Structures are given as structure tokens and as C-alpha cells.
Amino acid sequence: VQTFSVLTPLRELARALQAYAPTVLITYPSCAAALA
């Protein structure tokens, strides 16, 4: 389990998630849509 701040700039957050490679992404619809 790893937690990421929603305040992280979107592209920086994307890079961190890419490095972590989650099998399950848990977040808010607006954030998930932006990542999508």
C-alpha cells in the first residue's frame, strides 16, 4: 500500500504512479479522470 497526495502536480503524480505501477488505483473521480 502506498499513499500519494492529490495536491501533487498532475504530471509529477503521473510519474510517481508510473514508477509504482499499481495494480489497484484508489482515488476520486476527478483525479482518476485527469489521469485517464
All heavy atoms as atom14 arrays in JSON, in Angstrom:
{
  "sequence": "VQTFSVLTPLRELARALQAYAPTVLITYPSCAAALA",
  "atom14_mask": [
    [1, 1, 1, 1, 1, 1, 1, 0, 0, 0, 0, 0, 0, 0],
    [1, 1, 1, 1, 1, 1, 1, 1, 1, 0, 0, 0, 0, 0],
    [1, 1, 1, 1, 1, 1, 1, 0, 0, 0, 0, 0, 0, 0],
    [1, 1, 1, 1, 1, 1, 1, 1, 1, 1, 1, 0, 0, 0],
    [1, 1, 1, 1, 1, 1, 0, 0, 0, 0, 0, 0, 0, 0],
    [1, 1, 1, 1, 1, 1, 1, 0, 0, 0, 0, 0, 0, 0],
    [1, 1, 1, 1, 1, 1, 1, 1, 0, 0, 0, 0, 0, 0],
    [1, 1, 1, 1, 1, 1, 1, 0, 0, 0, 0, 0, 0, 0],
    [1, 1, 1, 1, 1, 1, 1, 0, 0, 0, 0, 0, 0, 0],
    [1, 1, 1, 1, 1, 1, 1, 1, 0, 0, 0, 0, 0, 0],
    [1, 1, 1, 1, 1, 1, 1, 1, 1, 1, 1, 0, 0, 0],
    [1, 1, 1, 1, 1, 1, 1, 1, 1, 0, 0, 0, 0, 0],
    [1, 1, 1, 1, 1, 1, 1, 1, 0, 0, 0, 0, 0, 0],
    [1, 1, 1, 1, 1, 0, 0, 0, 0, 0, 0, 0, 0, 0],
    [1, 1, 1, 1, 1, 1, 1, 1, 1, 1, 1, 0, 0, 0],
    [1, 1, 1, 1, 1, 0, 0, 0, 0, 0, 0, 0, 0, 0],
    [1, 1, 1, 1, 1, 1, 1, 1, 0, 0, 0, 0, 0, 0],
    [1, 1, 1, 1, 1, 1, 1, 1, 1, 0, 0, 0, 0, 0],
    [1, 1, 1, 1, 1, 0, 0, 0, 0, 0, 0, 0, 0, 0],
    [1, 1, 1, 1, 1, 1, 1, 1, 1, 1, 1, 1, 0, 0],
    [1, 1, 1, 1, 1, 0, 0, 0, 0, 0, 0, 0, 0, 0],
    [1, 1, 1, 1, 1, 1, 1, 0, 0, 0, 0, 0, 0, 0],
    [1, 1, 1, 1, 1, 1, 1, 0, 0, 0, 0, 0, 0, 0],
    [1, 1, 1, 1, 1, 1, 1, 0, 0, 0, 0, 0, 0, 0],
    [1, 1, 1, 1, 1, 1, 1, 1, 0, 0, 0, 0, 0, 0],
    [1, 1, 1, 1, 1, 1, 1, 1, 0, 0, 0, 0, 0, 0],
    [1, 1, 1, 1, 1, 1, 1, 0, 0, 0, 0, 0, 0, 0],
    [1, 1, 1, 1, 1, 1, 1, 1, 1, 1, 1, 1, 0, 0],
    [1, 1, 1, 1, 1, 1, 1, 0, 0, 0, 0, 0, 0, 0],
    [1, 1, 1, 1, 1, 1, 0, 0, 0, 0, 0, 0, 0, 0],
    [1, 1, 1, 1, 1, 1, 0, 0, 0, 0, 0, 0, 0, 0],
    [1, 1, 1, 1, 1, 0, 0, 0, 0, 0, 0, 0, 0, 0],
    [1, 1, 1, 1, 1, 0, 0, 0, 0, 0, 0, 0, 0, 0],
    [1, 1, 1, 1, 1, 0, 0, 0, 0, 0, 0, 0, 0, 0],
    [1, 1, 1, 1, 1, 1, 1, 1, 0, 0, 0, 0, 0, 0],
    [1, 1, 1, 1, 1, 0, 0, 0, 0, 0, 0, 0, 0, 0]
  ],
  "atom14_positions": [
    [[0.85, -1.19, 0.0], [0.0, 0.0, 0.0], [0.88, 1.24, 0.0], [1.81, 1.35, 0.81], [-0.94, 0.02, 1.22], [-1.82, 1.27, 1.2], [-1.79, -1.23, 1.28], [0.0, 0.0, 0.0], [0.0, 0.0, 0.0], [0.0, 0.0, 0.0], [0.0, 0.0, 0.0], [0.0, 0.0, 0.0], [0.0, 0.0, 0.0], [0.0, 0.0, 0.0]],
    [[0.6, 2.18, -0.91], [1.33, 3.45, -0.93], [0.35, 4.59, -1.16], [-0.57, 4.48, -1.97], [2.4, 3.45, -2.02], [3.3, 4.68, -1.97], [4.56, 4.52, -2.8], [5.06, 3.4, -2.95], [5.07, 5.59, -3.35], [0.0, 0.0, 0.0], [0.0, 0.0, 0.0], [0.0, 0.0, 0.0], [0.0, 0.0, 0.0], [0.0, 0.0, 0.0]],
    [[0.54, 5.68, -0.42], [-0.34, 6.84, -0.5], [0.35, 7.97, -1.26], [1.55, 8.21, -1.1], [-0.7, 7.32, 0.92], [-1.37, 6.28, 1.63], [-1.61, 8.54, 0.87], [0.0, 0.0, 0.0], [0.0, 0.0, 0.0], [0.0, 0.0, 0.0], [0.0, 0.0, 0.0], [0.0, 0.0, 0.0], [0.0, 0.0, 0.0], [0.0, 0.0, 0.0]],
    [[-0.44, 8.66, -2.1], [0.05, 9.79, -2.88], [-0.87, 10.99, -2.61], [-2.08, 10.83, -2.54], [0.04, 9.46, -4.37], [0.87, 8.26, -4.75], [0.36, 6.97, -4.6], [2.15, 8.42, -5.26], [1.13, 5.86, -4.95], [2.91, 7.32, -5.61], [2.41, 6.04, -5.45], [0.0, 0.0, 0.0], [0.0, 0.0, 0.0], [0.0, 0.0, 0.0]],
    [[-0.28, 12.17, -2.52], [-1.08, 13.36, -2.26], [-1.75, 13.85, -3.53], [-1.12, 13.96, -4.58], [-0.2, 14.48, -1.7], [-0.94, 15.69, -1.61], [0.0, 0.0, 0.0], [0.0, 0.0, 0.0], [0.0, 0.0, 0.0], [0.0, 0.0, 0.0], [0.0, 0.0, 0.0], [0.0, 0.0, 0.0], [0.0, 0.0, 0.0], [0.0, 0.0, 0.0]],
    [[-3.04, 14.16, -3.41], [-3.77, 14.71, -4.54], [-3.29, 16.12, -4.88], [-3.59, 16.65, -5.96], [-5.29, 14.7, -4.25], [-5.66, 15.78, -3.26], [-6.1, 14.82, -5.53], [0.0, 0.0, 0.0], [0.0, 0.0, 0.0], [0.0, 0.0, 0.0], [0.0, 0.0, 0.0], [0.0, 0.0, 0.0], [0.0, 0.0, 0.0], [0.0, 0.0, 0.0]],
    [[-2.54, 16.75, -3.97], [-2.01, 18.08, -4.22], [-0.78, 18.07, -5.13], [-0.33, 19.11, -5.59], [-1.65, 18.76, -2.9], [-2.81, 19.12, -1.98], [-2.29, 19.72, -0.68], [-3.77, 20.08, -2.66], [0.0, 0.0, 0.0], [0.0, 0.0, 0.0], [0.0, 0.0, 0.0], [0.0, 0.0, 0.0], [0.0, 0.0, 0.0], [0.0, 0.0, 0.0]],
    [[-0.23, 16.89, -5.37], [0.93, 16.78, -6.25], [0.56, 17.24, -7.66], [-0.49, 16.85, -8.17], [1.42, 15.32, -6.3], [1.66, 14.85, -4.97], [2.7, 15.2, -7.11], [0.0, 0.0, 0.0], [0.0, 0.0, 0.0], [0.0, 0.0, 0.0], [0.0, 0.0, 0.0], [0.0, 0.0, 0.0], [0.0, 0.0, 0.0], [0.0, 0.0, 0.0]],
    [[1.4, 18.07, -8.3], [1.12, 18.44, -9.69], [0.86, 17.19, -10.53], [1.52, 16.16, -10.35], [2.4, 19.16, -10.12], [2.94, 19.74, -8.85], [2.61, 18.73, -7.78], [0.0, 0.0, 0.0], [0.0, 0.0, 0.0], [0.0, 0.0, 0.0], [0.0, 0.0, 0.0], [0.0, 0.0, 0.0], [0.0, 0.0, 0.0], [0.0, 0.0, 0.0]],
    [[-0.11, 17.3, -11.42], [-0.63, 16.12, -12.1], [0.45, 15.31, -12.81], [0.49, 14.08, -12.69], [-1.72, 16.54, -13.09], [-2.47, 15.39, -13.77], [-3.18, 14.53, -12.73], [-3.46, 15.94, -14.78], [0.0, 0.0, 0.0], [0.0, 0.0, 0.0], [0.0, 0.0, 0.0], [0.0, 0.0, 0.0], [0.0, 0.0, 0.0], [0.0, 0.0, 0.0]],
    [[1.32, 15.96, -13.55], [2.33, 15.2, -14.29], [3.37, 14.58, -13.35], [3.88, 13.49, -13.62], [2.99, 16.1, -15.34], [2.01, 16.47, -16.45], [2.65, 17.28, -17.56], [1.65, 17.63, -18.55], [1.31, 16.86, -19.59], [1.93, 15.69, -19.76], [0.38, 17.24, -20.44], [0.0, 0.0, 0.0], [0.0, 0.0, 0.0], [0.0, 0.0, 0.0]],
    [[3.66, 15.27, -12.25], [4.54, 14.69, -11.25], [3.89, 13.48, -10.59], [4.54, 12.45, -10.35], [4.89, 15.74, -10.21], [5.85, 15.26, -9.13], [6.14, 16.33, -8.1], [6.05, 17.53, -8.46], [6.45, 15.98, -6.95], [0.0, 0.0, 0.0], [0.0, 0.0, 0.0], [0.0, 0.0, 0.0], [0.0, 0.0, 0.0], [0.0, 0.0, 0.0]],
    [[2.6, 13.59, -10.31], [1.86, 12.46, -9.77], [1.86, 11.29, -10.74], [2.05, 10.13, -10.34], [0.42, 12.89, -9.47], [-0.55, 11.8, -9.04], [-0.1, 11.15, -7.73], [-1.98, 12.35, -8.89], [0.0, 0.0, 0.0], [0.0, 0.0, 0.0], [0.0, 0.0, 0.0], [0.0, 0.0, 0.0], [0.0, 0.0, 0.0], [0.0, 0.0, 0.0]],
    [[1.67, 11.59, -12.02], [1.67, 10.54, -13.04], [3.0, 9.8, -13.06], [3.05, 8.57, -13.17], [1.36, 11.13, -14.4], [0.0, 0.0, 0.0], [0.0, 0.0, 0.0], [0.0, 0.0, 0.0], [0.0, 0.0, 0.0], [0.0, 0.0, 0.0], [0.0, 0.0, 0.0], [0.0, 0.0, 0.0], [0.0, 0.0, 0.0], [0.0, 0.0, 0.0]],
    [[4.09, 10.55, -12.95], [5.42, 9.91, -12.96], [5.59, 9.01, -11.74], [6.15, 7.9, -11.84], [6.52, 10.98, -12.99], [6.64, 11.68, -14.34], [7.94, 12.47, -14.41], [7.94, 13.6, -13.49], [7.49, 14.81, -13.79], [7.0, 15.07, -14.99], [7.53, 15.79, -12.88], [0.0, 0.0, 0.0], [0.0, 0.0, 0.0], [0.0, 0.0, 0.0]],
    [[5.12, 9.48, -10.58], [5.24, 8.67, -9.36], [4.41, 7.4, -9.46], [4.85, 6.31, -9.05], [4.82, 9.49, -8.15], [0.0, 0.0, 0.0], [0.0, 0.0, 0.0], [0.0, 0.0, 0.0], [0.0, 0.0, 0.0], [0.0, 0.0, 0.0], [0.0, 0.0, 0.0], [0.0, 0.0, 0.0], [0.0, 0.0, 0.0], [0.0, 0.0, 0.0]],
    [[3.21, 7.52, -10.0], [2.37, 6.34, -10.17], [2.96, 5.37, -11.19], [2.9, 4.15, -11.03], [0.96, 6.75, -10.6], [0.1, 7.44, -9.53], [-1.18, 7.99, -10.15], [-0.23, 6.47, -8.4], [0.0, 0.0, 0.0], [0.0, 0.0, 0.0], [0.0, 0.0, 0.0], [0.0, 0.0, 0.0], [0.0, 0.0, 0.0], [0.0, 0.0, 0.0]],
    [[3.53, 5.93, -12.25], [4.16, 5.08, -13.26], [5.29, 4.25, -12.65], [5.44, 3.06, -12.94], [4.7, 5.93, -14.4], [5.18, 5.14, -15.61], [4.03, 4.47, -16.33], [3.16, 5.13, -16.86], [4.02, 3.14, -16.32], [0.0, 0.0, 0.0], [0.0, 0.0, 0.0], [0.0, 0.0, 0.0], [0.0, 0.0, 0.0], [0.0, 0.0, 0.0]],
    [[6.07, 4.89, -11.77], [7.17, 4.19, -11.12], [6.65, 3.11, -10.16], [7.26, 2.04, -10.03], [8.05, 5.18, -10.38], [0.0, 0.0, 0.0], [0.0, 0.0, 0.0], [0.0, 0.0, 0.0], [0.0, 0.0, 0.0], [0.0, 0.0, 0.0], [0.0, 0.0, 0.0], [0.0, 0.0, 0.0], [0.0, 0.0, 0.0], [0.0, 0.0, 0.0]],
    [[5.54, 3.39, -9.51], [4.98, 2.43, -8.55], [4.23, 1.3, -9.24], [4.2, 0.17, -8.74], [4.04, 3.18, -7.59], [3.45, 2.32, -6.51], [4.25, 1.67, -5.59], [2.06, 2.18, -6.41], [3.7, 0.88, -4.59], [1.5, 1.4, -5.41], [2.32, 0.76, -4.5], [1.77, -0.02, -3.52], [0.0, 0.0, 0.0], [0.0, 0.0, 0.0]],
    [[3.62, 1.58, -10.39], [2.89, 0.58, -11.18], [1.82, -0.13, -10.35], [1.89, -1.35, -10.14], [3.85, -0.43, -11.79], [0.0, 0.0, 0.0], [0.0, 0.0, 0.0], [0.0, 0.0, 0.0], [0.0, 0.0, 0.0], [0.0, 0.0, 0.0], [0.0, 0.0, 0.0], [0.0, 0.0, 0.0], [0.0, 0.0, 0.0], [0.0, 0.0, 0.0]],
    [[0.8, 0.6, -9.88], [-0.22, -0.03, -9.03], [-1.07, -1.03, -9.8], [-1.36, -0.84, -10.98], [-1.05, 1.16, -8.57], [-0.92, 2.16, -9.67], [0.49, 2.02, -10.15], [0.0, 0.0, 0.0], [0.0, 0.0, 0.0], [0.0, 0.0, 0.0], [0.0, 0.0, 0.0], [0.0, 0.0, 0.0], [0.0, 0.0, 0.0], [0.0, 0.0, 0.0]],
    [[-1.5, -2.06, -9.1], [-2.49, -2.98, -9.67], [-3.9, -2.53, -9.34], [-4.85, -2.88, -10.03], [-2.26, -4.41, -9.15], [-2.34, -4.41, -7.72], [-0.91, -4.95, -9.58], [0.0, 0.0, 0.0], [0.0, 0.0, 0.0], [0.0, 0.0, 0.0], [0.0, 0.0, 0.0], [0.0, 0.0, 0.0], [0.0, 0.0, 0.0], [0.0, 0.0, 0.0]],
    [[-4.04, -1.75, -8.26], [-5.33, -1.16, -7.88], [-5.11, 0.32, -7.61], [-4.29, 0.69, -6.77], [-5.93, -1.84, -6.63], [-7.25, -1.17, -6.25], [-6.15, -3.33, -6.87], [0.0, 0.0, 0.0], [0.0, 0.0, 0.0], [0.0, 0.0, 0.0], [0.0, 0.0, 0.0], [0.0, 0.0, 0.0], [0.0, 0.0, 0.0], [0.0, 0.0, 0.0]],
    [[-5.84, 1.17, -8.34], [-5.77, 2.61, -8.15], [-7.02, 3.05, -7.4], [-8.14, 2.76, -7.81], [-5.7, 3.32, -9.51], [-5.78, 4.86, -9.5], [-4.58, 5.46, -8.75], [-5.87, 5.4, -10.92], [0.0, 0.0, 0.0], [0.0, 0.0, 0.0], [0.0, 0.0, 0.0], [0.0, 0.0, 0.0], [0.0, 0.0, 0.0], [0.0, 0.0, 0.0]],
    [[-6.82, 3.76, -6.28], [-7.93, 4.21, -5.45], [-7.86, 5.74, -5.37], [-6.88, 6.3, -4.88], [-7.83, 3.62, -4.03], [-7.61, 2.1, -4.08], [-9.08, 3.95, -3.22], [-7.25, 1.49, -2.73], [0.0, 0.0, 0.0], [0.0, 0.0, 0.0], [0.0, 0.0, 0.0], [0.0, 0.0, 0.0], [0.0, 0.0, 0.0], [0.0, 0.0, 0.0]],
    [[-8.9, 6.41, -5.84], [-8.87, 7.87, -5.82], [-10.25, 8.44, -6.07], [-11.25, 7.71, -6.08], [-7.85, 8.4, -6.85], [-7.68, 9.82, -6.64], [-8.29, 8.14, -8.27], [0.0, 0.0, 0.0], [0.0, 0.0, 0.0], [0.0, 0.0, 0.0], [0.0, 0.0, 0.0], [0.0, 0.0, 0.0], [0.0, 0.0, 0.0], [0.0, 0.0, 0.0]],
    [[-10.32, 9.75, -6.28], [-11.56, 10.45, -6.55], [-11.83, 10.46, -8.05], [-10.89, 10.47, -8.86], [-11.48, 11.88, -6.02], [-10.95, 11.95, -4.6], [-9.62, 12.28, -4.35], [-11.77, 11.65, -3.52], [-9.13, 12.33, -3.05], [-11.29, 11.7, -2.23], [-9.96, 12.03, -1.99], [-9.48, 12.06, -0.71], [0.0, 0.0, 0.0], [0.0, 0.0, 0.0]],
    [[-13.07, 10.51, -8.46], [-13.39, 10.52, -9.89], [-12.69, 11.62, -10.68], [-12.2, 11.37, -11.78], [-14.91, 10.69, -9.91], [-15.37, 10.03, -8.65], [-14.3, 10.37, -7.64], [0.0, 0.0, 0.0], [0.0, 0.0, 0.0], [0.0, 0.0, 0.0], [0.0, 0.0, 0.0], [0.0, 0.0, 0.0], [0.0, 0.0, 0.0], [0.0, 0.0, 0.0]],
    [[-12.62, 12.82, -10.13], [-11.99, 13.92, -10.86], [-10.51, 13.65, -11.09], [-9.96, 13.93, -12.16], [-12.19, 15.24, -10.12], [-11.65, 15.18, -8.82], [0.0, 0.0, 0.0], [0.0, 0.0, 0.0], [0.0, 0.0, 0.0], [0.0, 0.0, 0.0], [0.0, 0.0, 0.0], [0.0, 0.0, 0.0], [0.0, 0.0, 0.0], [0.0, 0.0, 0.0]],
    [[-9.83, 13.1, -10.07], [-8.42, 12.79, -10.21], [-8.21, 11.62, -11.17], [-7.31, 11.67, -12.02], [-7.82, 12.47, -8.84], [-6.05, 12.13, -8.86], [0.0, 0.0, 0.0], [0.0, 0.0, 0.0], [0.0, 0.0, 0.0], [0.0, 0.0, 0.0], [0.0, 0.0, 0.0], [0.0, 0.0, 0.0], [0.0, 0.0, 0.0], [0.0, 0.0, 0.0]],
    [[-9.03, 10.58, -11.04], [-8.91, 9.44, -11.94], [-9.16, 9.85, -13.38], [-8.5, 9.35, -14.31], [-9.89, 8.35, -11.53], [0.0, 0.0, 0.0], [0.0, 0.0, 0.0], [0.0, 0.0, 0.0], [0.0, 0.0, 0.0], [0.0, 0.0, 0.0], [0.0, 0.0, 0.0], [0.0, 0.0, 0.0], [0.0, 0.0, 0.0], [0.0, 0.0, 0.0]],
    [[-10.09, 10.76, -13.6], [-10.38, 11.23, -14.96], [-9.2, 12.0, -15.54], [-8.87, 11.87, -16.72], [-11.64, 12.08, -14.96], [0.0, 0.0, 0.0], [0.0, 0.0, 0.0], [0.0, 0.0, 0.0], [0.0, 0.0, 0.0], [0.0, 0.0, 0.0], [0.0, 0.0, 0.0], [0.0, 0.0, 0.0], [0.0, 0.0, 0.0], [0.0, 0.0, 0.0]],
    [[-8.57, 12.83, -14.7], [-7.4, 13.58, -15.17], [-6.26, 12.63, -15.53], [-5.57, 12.82, -16.54], [-6.96, 14.57, -14.1], [0.0, 0.0, 0.0], [0.0, 0.0, 0.0], [0.0, 0.0, 0.0], [0.0, 0.0, 0.0], [0.0, 0.0, 0.0], [0.0, 0.0, 0.0], [0.0, 0.0, 0.0], [0.0, 0.0, 0.0], [0.0, 0.0, 0.0]],
    [[-6.05, 11.6, -14.71], [-5.03, 10.6, -15.01], [-5.39, 9.81, -16.26], [-4.52, 9.46, -17.07], [-4.85, 9.66, -13.82], [-4.24, 10.29, -12.56], [-4.35, 9.32, -11.39], [-2.78, 10.67, -12.8], [0.0, 0.0, 0.0], [0.0, 0.0, 0.0], [0.0, 0.0, 0.0], [0.0, 0.0, 0.0], [0.0, 0.0, 0.0], [0.0, 0.0, 0.0]],
    [[-6.68, 9.54, -16.42], [-7.14, 8.81, -17.61], [-6.83, 9.58, -18.89], [-6.45, 8.99, -19.91], [-8.62, 8.52, -17.5], [0.0, 0.0, 0.0], [0.0, 0.0, 0.0], [0.0, 0.0, 0.0], [0.0, 0.0, 0.0], [0.0, 0.0, 0.0], [0.0, 0.0, 0.0], [0.0, 0.0, 0.0], [0.0, 0.0, 0.0], [0.0, 0.0, 0.0]]
  ]
}
